[in-house]
Amino acid sequence: MIWLLLFLALSQNQSDTLYQEGNHAFQASQFEVAVAKFRAAVNLRPDNPEFRRALGAALASQRRFVD
């Protein structure tokens, strides 16, 4: 049980870091990097709507409306 809690805490921390890195990339117009960071964050925490919104915004910035 402790390992599961530790894993969840690490996943949350890692996904938050990926999200922040994605935001920095997005603000620098590095949309490919932003998409990769946001997608990785979504993969770790698919239930987070903010991560999904950010991924959608990065994809839309590239005119990738089907991904």
C-alpha atoms as a PDB file:
ATOM      1  CA  MET A   1       0.000   0.000   0.000  1.00  0.00           C
ATOM      2  CA  ILE A   2       2.830   2.399   0.809  1.00  0.00           C
ATOM      3  CA  TRP A   3       4.413   1.720  -2.589  1.00  0.00           C
ATOM      4  CA  LEU A   4       1.171   2.611  -4.329  1.00  0.00           C
ATOM      5  CA  LEU A   5       0.898   5.890  -2.428  1.00  0.00           C
ATOM      6  CA  LEU A   6       4.511   6.699  -3.200  1.00  0.00           C
ATOM      7  CA  PHE A   7       3.981   5.906  -6.881  1.00  0.00           C
ATOM      8  CA  LEU A   8       0.880   8.121  -7.012  1.00  0.00           C
ATOM      9  CA  ALA A   9       2.722  10.981  -5.343  1.00  0.00           C
ATOM     10  CA  LEU A  10       5.650  10.669  -7.753  1.00  0.00           C
ATOM     11  CA  SER A  11       3.277  10.480 -10.727  1.00  0.00           C
ATOM     12  CA  GLN A  12       1.498  13.621  -9.616  1.00  0.00           C
ATOM     13  CA  ASN A  13       4.769  15.477  -9.096  1.00  0.00           C
ATOM     14  CA  GLN A  14       6.136  14.329 -12.448  1.00  0.00           C
ATOM     15  CA  SER A  15       2.939  15.199 -14.309  1.00  0.00           C
ATOM     16  CA  ASP A  16       2.876  18.666 -12.724  1.00  0.00           C
ATOM     17  CA  THR A  17       6.488  19.201 -13.816  1.00  0.00           C
ATOM     18  CA  LEU A  18       5.682  18.085 -17.366  1.00  0.00           C
ATOM     19  CA  TYR A  19       2.696  20.427 -17.426  1.00  0.00           C
ATOM     20  CA  GLN A  20       4.830  23.386 -16.322  1.00  0.00           C
ATOM     21  CA  GLU A  21       7.486  22.538 -18.913  1.00  0.00           C
ATOM     22  CA  GLY A  22       4.724  22.357 -21.523  1.00  0.00           C
ATOM     23  CA  ASN A  23       3.486  25.797 -20.506  1.00  0.00           C
ATOM     24  CA  HIS A  24       6.985  27.261 -20.876  1.00  0.00           C
ATOM     25  CA  ALA A  25       7.360  25.664 -24.299  1.00  0.00           C
ATOM     26  CA  PHE A  26       3.924  26.902 -25.367  1.00  0.00           C
ATOM     27  CA  GLN A  27       4.729  30.458 -24.296  1.00  0.00           C
ATOM     28  CA  ALA A  28       7.959  30.245 -26.328  1.00  0.00           C
ATOM     29  CA  SER A  29       5.937  29.078 -29.381  1.00  0.00           C
ATOM     30  CA  GLN A  30       7.667  25.688 -29.248  1.00  0.00           C
ATOM     31  CA  PHE A  31       4.426  23.879 -29.964  1.00  0.00           C
ATOM     32  CA  GLU A  32       5.896  20.455 -30.794  1.00  0.00           C
ATOM     33  CA  VAL A  33       7.687  20.401 -27.432  1.00  0.00           C
ATOM     34  CA  ALA A  34       4.553  21.644 -25.685  1.00  0.00           C
ATOM     35  CA  VAL A  35       2.438  18.899 -27.278  1.00  0.00           C
ATOM     36  CA  ALA A  36       4.922  16.231 -26.176  1.00  0.00           C
ATOM     37  CA  LYS A  37       5.064  17.556 -22.594  1.00  0.00           C
ATOM     38  CA  PHE A  38       1.293  17.954 -22.289  1.00  0.00           C
ATOM     39  CA  ARG A  39       0.676  14.519 -23.817  1.00  0.00           C
ATOM     40  CA  ALA A  40       3.070  12.946 -21.309  1.00  0.00           C
ATOM     41  CA  ALA A  41       1.290  14.739 -18.452  1.00  0.00           C
ATOM     42  CA  VAL A  42      -2.095  13.510 -19.724  1.00  0.00           C
ATOM     43  CA  ASN A  43      -0.747   9.957 -19.960  1.00  0.00           C
ATOM     44  CA  LEU A  44       0.276  10.091 -16.303  1.00  0.00           C
ATOM     45  CA  ARG A  45      -2.953  11.736 -15.126  1.00  0.00           C
ATOM     46  CA  PRO A  46      -5.694  11.287 -17.725  1.00  0.00           C
ATOM     47  CA  ASP A  47      -8.320  12.543 -15.268  1.00  0.00           C
ATOM     48  CA  ASN A  48      -6.840  16.059 -15.122  1.00  0.00           C
ATOM     49  CA  PRO A  49      -8.946  18.396 -17.312  1.00  0.00           C
ATOM     50  CA  GLU A  50      -6.380  21.216 -17.245  1.00  0.00           C
ATOM     51  CA  PHE A  51      -3.745  18.939 -18.786  1.00  0.00           C
ATOM     52  CA  ARG A  52      -6.206  17.928 -21.524  1.00  0.00           C
ATOM     53  CA  ARG A  53      -7.162  21.560 -22.193  1.00  0.00           C
ATOM     54  CA  ALA A  54      -3.513  22.566 -22.518  1.00  0.00           C
ATOM     55  CA  LEU A  55      -2.847  19.683 -24.912  1.00  0.00           C
ATOM     56  CA  GLY A  56      -5.829  20.745 -27.014  1.00  0.00           C
ATOM     57  CA  ALA A  57      -4.597  24.344 -27.128  1.00  0.00           C
ATOM     58  CA  ALA A  58      -1.105  23.247 -28.209  1.00  0.00           C
ATOM     59  CA  LEU A  59      -2.547  20.993 -30.915  1.00  0.00           C
ATOM     60  CA  ALA A  60      -4.866  23.765 -32.117  1.00  0.00           C
ATOM     61  CA  SER A  61      -1.898  26.127 -32.341  1.00  0.00           C
ATOM     62  CA  GLN A  62      -0.464  23.697 -34.856  1.00  0.00           C
ATOM     63  CA  ARG A  63      -3.817  23.370 -36.626  1.00  0.00           C
ATOM     64  CA  ARG A  64      -3.912  19.696 -35.628  1.00  0.00           C
ATOM     65  CA  PHE A  65      -7.615  19.351 -34.967  1.00  0.00           C
ATOM     66  CA  VAL A  66      -7.904  15.583 -35.459  1.00  0.00           C
ATOM     67  CA  ASP A  67      -5.222  14.250 -33.048  1.00  0.00           C
END
